[in-house]
């Protein structure tokens, strides 16, 4: 049970760390250098957390999923804020 808690916490941290990057990424043209950098910026931090927690490479798909979900949430929030700012 303790391992499941650590894994869940790591996936949630991956999601939380990726939300600001997804939010900022939405402001750059697709496939630009900054767009690419903001997608990959949280990865070293997530890998460091996984290694410090002593988890094996089998957890990578879960943390990758959390990171992708964070990017999607961040970009959706950015788009929604832009739409609301344009509305009268």
N, C-alpha and C. Protein backbone atom coordinates (compact mmCIF):
# COMPACT_ATOMS: atom_id res chain seq x y z
N UNK A 1 0.82 -1.20 0.00
CA UNK A 1 0.00 0.00 0.00
C UNK A 1 0.86 1.26 0.00
N UNK A 2 2.00 1.19 0.68
CA UNK A 2 2.86 2.36 0.74
C UNK A 2 3.43 2.68 -0.64
N UNK A 3 3.77 1.65 -1.41
CA UNK A 3 4.28 1.85 -2.76
C UNK A 3 3.26 2.50 -3.67
N UNK A 4 2.00 2.11 -3.52
CA UNK A 4 0.94 2.70 -4.34
C UNK A 4 0.76 4.18 -4.01
N UNK A 5 0.93 4.54 -2.75
CA UNK A 5 0.82 5.93 -2.34
C UNK A 5 1.95 6.76 -2.95
N UNK A 6 3.15 6.21 -2.96
CA UNK A 6 4.30 6.91 -3.53
C UNK A 6 4.10 7.09 -5.05
N UNK A 7 3.64 6.05 -5.70
CA UNK A 7 3.43 6.12 -7.15
C UNK A 7 2.34 7.14 -7.47
N UNK A 8 1.25 7.11 -6.73
CA UNK A 8 0.17 8.07 -6.94
C UNK A 8 0.66 9.49 -6.72
N UNK A 9 1.42 9.70 -5.67
CA UNK A 9 1.98 11.02 -5.40
C UNK A 9 2.90 11.49 -6.51
N UNK A 10 3.70 10.59 -7.04
CA UNK A 10 4.62 10.95 -8.11
C UNK A 10 3.86 11.31 -9.39
N UNK A 11 2.82 10.58 -9.70
CA UNK A 11 2.01 10.88 -10.89
C UNK A 11 1.32 12.23 -10.72
N UNK A 12 0.81 12.51 -9.53
CA UNK A 12 0.16 13.80 -9.26
C UNK A 12 1.17 14.94 -9.34
N UNK A 13 2.38 14.71 -8.83
CA UNK A 13 3.43 15.74 -8.94
C UNK A 13 3.80 15.98 -10.40
N UNK A 14 3.87 14.93 -11.19
CA UNK A 14 4.16 15.09 -12.62
C UNK A 14 3.08 15.94 -13.27
N UNK A 15 1.85 15.71 -12.91
CA UNK A 15 0.74 16.48 -13.45
C UNK A 15 0.85 17.95 -13.04
N UNK A 16 1.10 18.18 -11.75
CA UNK A 16 1.17 19.56 -11.23
C UNK A 16 2.33 20.33 -11.84
N UNK A 17 3.48 19.68 -11.99
CA UNK A 17 4.65 20.35 -12.55
C UNK A 17 4.43 20.70 -14.03
N UNK A 18 3.66 19.90 -14.73
CA UNK A 18 3.47 20.10 -16.17
C UNK A 18 2.39 21.12 -16.50
N UNK A 19 1.50 21.42 -15.59
CA UNK A 19 0.42 22.38 -15.88
C UNK A 19 0.97 23.76 -16.26
N UNK A 20 1.90 24.35 -15.48
CA UNK A 20 2.40 25.67 -15.90
C UNK A 20 3.12 25.64 -17.24
N UNK A 21 3.83 24.56 -17.52
CA UNK A 21 4.52 24.46 -18.81
C UNK A 21 3.52 24.38 -19.96
N UNK A 22 2.43 23.65 -19.78
CA UNK A 22 1.40 23.59 -20.80
C UNK A 22 0.71 24.93 -20.99
N UNK A 23 0.52 25.65 -19.90
CA UNK A 23 -0.11 26.98 -19.94
C UNK A 23 0.75 27.94 -20.75
N UNK A 24 2.04 27.96 -20.46
CA UNK A 24 2.96 28.87 -21.16
C UNK A 24 3.17 28.42 -22.61
N UNK A 25 3.24 27.11 -22.82
CA UNK A 25 3.47 26.55 -24.15
C UNK A 25 2.41 26.98 -25.14
N UNK A 26 1.21 27.19 -24.67
CA UNK A 26 0.10 27.58 -25.55
C UNK A 26 0.35 28.92 -26.23
N UNK A 27 1.24 29.74 -25.69
CA UNK A 27 1.51 31.07 -26.24
C UNK A 27 2.57 31.07 -27.35
N UNK A 28 3.16 29.93 -27.64
CA UNK A 28 4.22 29.84 -28.64
C UNK A 28 3.75 29.07 -29.86
N UNK A 29 4.32 29.38 -31.01
CA UNK A 29 3.94 28.65 -32.23
C UNK A 29 4.31 27.16 -32.11
N UNK A 30 3.46 26.35 -32.68
CA UNK A 30 3.69 24.91 -32.64
C UNK A 30 5.01 24.57 -33.33
N UNK A 31 5.76 23.68 -32.71
CA UNK A 31 7.06 23.17 -33.18
C UNK A 31 8.18 24.19 -33.13
N UNK A 32 7.98 25.30 -32.43
CA UNK A 32 9.08 26.24 -32.25
C UNK A 32 10.00 25.72 -31.14
N UNK A 33 11.13 26.36 -30.98
CA UNK A 33 12.09 25.92 -29.97
C UNK A 33 11.49 25.99 -28.57
N UNK A 34 10.84 27.11 -28.25
CA UNK A 34 10.26 27.25 -26.90
C UNK A 34 9.13 26.26 -26.67
N UNK A 35 8.33 25.98 -27.69
CA UNK A 35 7.26 24.99 -27.59
C UNK A 35 7.86 23.64 -27.23
N UNK A 36 8.92 23.26 -27.95
CA UNK A 36 9.60 22.00 -27.71
C UNK A 36 10.22 21.97 -26.31
N UNK A 37 10.86 23.07 -25.91
CA UNK A 37 11.51 23.16 -24.60
C UNK A 37 10.48 23.03 -23.47
N UNK A 38 9.35 23.69 -23.60
CA UNK A 38 8.34 23.65 -22.55
C UNK A 38 7.68 22.28 -22.42
N UNK A 39 7.65 21.52 -23.49
CA UNK A 39 7.13 20.15 -23.40
C UNK A 39 8.09 19.28 -22.60
N UNK A 40 9.40 19.46 -22.84
CA UNK A 40 10.39 18.58 -22.24
C UNK A 40 10.99 19.09 -20.94
N UNK A 41 10.71 20.30 -20.56
CA UNK A 41 11.29 20.89 -19.35
C UNK A 41 10.97 20.13 -18.06
N UNK A 42 9.77 19.65 -17.83
CA UNK A 42 9.48 18.95 -16.56
C UNK A 42 10.09 17.54 -16.48
N UNK A 43 10.52 16.97 -17.60
CA UNK A 43 10.95 15.58 -17.61
C UNK A 43 12.14 15.32 -16.68
N UNK A 44 13.23 16.11 -16.70
CA UNK A 44 14.33 15.82 -15.78
C UNK A 44 13.91 15.87 -14.30
N UNK A 45 13.02 16.80 -13.97
CA UNK A 45 12.53 16.90 -12.60
C UNK A 45 11.76 15.64 -12.21
N UNK A 46 10.93 15.16 -13.10
CA UNK A 46 10.13 13.96 -12.82
C UNK A 46 11.03 12.73 -12.71
N UNK A 47 12.04 12.64 -13.57
CA UNK A 47 12.99 11.52 -13.50
C UNK A 47 13.74 11.56 -12.18
N UNK A 48 14.17 12.74 -11.76
CA UNK A 48 14.87 12.88 -10.48
C UNK A 48 13.99 12.43 -9.32
N UNK A 49 12.74 12.83 -9.33
CA UNK A 49 11.82 12.41 -8.27
C UNK A 49 11.62 10.89 -8.27
N UNK A 50 11.51 10.31 -9.46
CA UNK A 50 11.32 8.86 -9.56
C UNK A 50 12.54 8.12 -9.03
N UNK A 51 13.73 8.61 -9.35
CA UNK A 51 14.95 7.96 -8.87
C UNK A 51 15.12 8.13 -7.36
N UNK A 52 14.81 9.31 -6.85
CA UNK A 52 14.91 9.54 -5.39
C UNK A 52 13.91 8.68 -4.62
N UNK A 53 12.77 8.40 -5.23
CA UNK A 53 11.76 7.56 -4.58
C UNK A 53 12.14 6.08 -4.67
N UNK A 54 13.16 5.76 -5.48
CA UNK A 54 13.59 4.38 -5.60
C UNK A 54 12.68 3.53 -6.45
N UNK A 55 11.99 4.15 -7.38
CA UNK A 55 11.05 3.42 -8.24
C UNK A 55 11.75 2.99 -9.52
N UNK A 56 11.32 1.88 -10.06
CA UNK A 56 11.95 1.33 -11.26
C UNK A 56 11.43 2.03 -12.51
N UNK A 57 11.96 1.62 -13.64
CA UNK A 57 11.57 2.22 -14.91
C UNK A 57 10.15 1.83 -15.31
N UNK A 58 9.56 0.86 -14.64
CA UNK A 58 8.20 0.43 -14.95
C UNK A 58 7.16 1.53 -14.68
N UNK A 59 7.53 2.52 -13.92
CA UNK A 59 6.61 3.60 -13.54
C UNK A 59 6.60 4.71 -14.59
N UNK A 60 7.55 4.68 -15.52
CA UNK A 60 7.67 5.75 -16.51
C UNK A 60 6.37 5.99 -17.29
N UNK A 61 5.65 4.97 -17.76
CA UNK A 61 4.40 5.27 -18.48
C UNK A 61 3.38 6.03 -17.63
N UNK A 62 3.33 5.74 -16.34
CA UNK A 62 2.38 6.44 -15.47
C UNK A 62 2.76 7.91 -15.31
N UNK A 63 4.06 8.16 -15.07
CA UNK A 63 4.49 9.55 -14.90
C UNK A 63 4.40 10.31 -16.22
N UNK A 64 4.65 9.62 -17.33
CA UNK A 64 4.50 10.25 -18.63
C UNK A 64 3.05 10.62 -18.88
N UNK A 65 2.14 9.75 -18.49
CA UNK A 65 0.72 10.05 -18.61
C UNK A 65 0.32 11.24 -17.77
N UNK A 66 0.85 11.32 -16.54
CA UNK A 66 0.57 12.48 -15.69
C UNK A 66 1.11 13.76 -16.28
N UNK A 67 2.28 13.68 -16.87
CA UNK A 67 2.89 14.86 -17.48
C UNK A 67 2.10 15.32 -18.71
N UNK A 68 1.67 14.38 -19.53
CA UNK A 68 0.87 14.73 -20.71
C UNK A 68 -0.47 15.34 -20.28
N UNK A 69 -1.08 14.75 -19.26
CA UNK A 69 -2.35 15.29 -18.75
C UNK A 69 -2.16 16.72 -18.23
N UNK A 70 -1.05 16.98 -17.55
CA UNK A 70 -0.77 18.33 -17.07
C UNK A 70 -0.59 19.31 -18.20
N UNK A 71 0.10 18.89 -19.27
CA UNK A 71 0.27 19.76 -20.44
C UNK A 71 -1.08 20.08 -21.08
N UNK A 72 -1.93 19.08 -21.18
CA UNK A 72 -3.25 19.28 -21.78
C UNK A 72 -4.11 20.21 -20.92
N UNK A 73 -4.09 20.00 -19.62
CA UNK A 73 -4.87 20.86 -18.71
C UNK A 73 -4.37 22.29 -18.77
N UNK A 74 -3.05 22.47 -18.74
CA UNK A 74 -2.47 23.82 -18.79
C UNK A 74 -2.82 24.55 -20.07
N UNK A 75 -2.73 23.84 -21.20
CA UNK A 75 -3.05 24.50 -22.47
C UNK A 75 -4.54 24.81 -22.57
N UNK A 76 -5.39 23.94 -22.04
CA UNK A 76 -6.83 24.20 -22.06
C UNK A 76 -7.19 25.41 -21.21
N UNK A 77 -6.54 25.55 -20.06
CA UNK A 77 -6.79 26.72 -19.20
C UNK A 77 -6.35 27.99 -19.92
N UNK A 78 -5.20 27.94 -20.59
CA UNK A 78 -4.71 29.11 -21.32
C UNK A 78 -5.66 29.51 -22.43
N UNK A 79 -6.12 28.52 -23.20
CA UNK A 79 -7.07 28.81 -24.28
C UNK A 79 -8.37 29.39 -23.75
N UNK A 80 -8.86 28.84 -22.65
CA UNK A 80 -10.12 29.31 -22.07
C UNK A 80 -9.97 30.75 -21.56
N UNK A 81 -8.84 31.07 -20.95
CA UNK A 81 -8.61 32.43 -20.47
C UNK A 81 -8.55 33.41 -21.62
N UNK A 82 -7.91 33.02 -22.73
CA UNK A 82 -7.86 33.89 -23.90
C UNK A 82 -9.24 34.14 -24.47
N UNK A 83 -10.05 33.08 -24.56
CA UNK A 83 -11.42 33.24 -25.07
C UNK A 83 -12.26 34.13 -24.17
N UNK A 84 -12.12 33.98 -22.86
CA UNK A 84 -12.88 34.81 -21.93
C UNK A 84 -12.42 36.26 -21.95
N UNK A 85 -11.15 36.49 -22.23
CA UNK A 85 -10.65 37.86 -22.31
C UNK A 85 -11.19 38.57 -23.55
N UNK A 86 -11.42 37.82 -24.62
CA UNK A 86 -11.93 38.41 -25.87
C UNK A 86 -13.43 38.66 -25.82
N UNK A 87 -14.14 37.92 -24.96
CA UNK A 87 -15.59 38.07 -24.87
C UNK A 87 -15.93 39.42 -24.25
N UNK A 88 -17.00 40.05 -24.75
CA UNK A 88 -17.37 41.39 -24.23
C UNK A 88 -17.92 41.35 -22.84
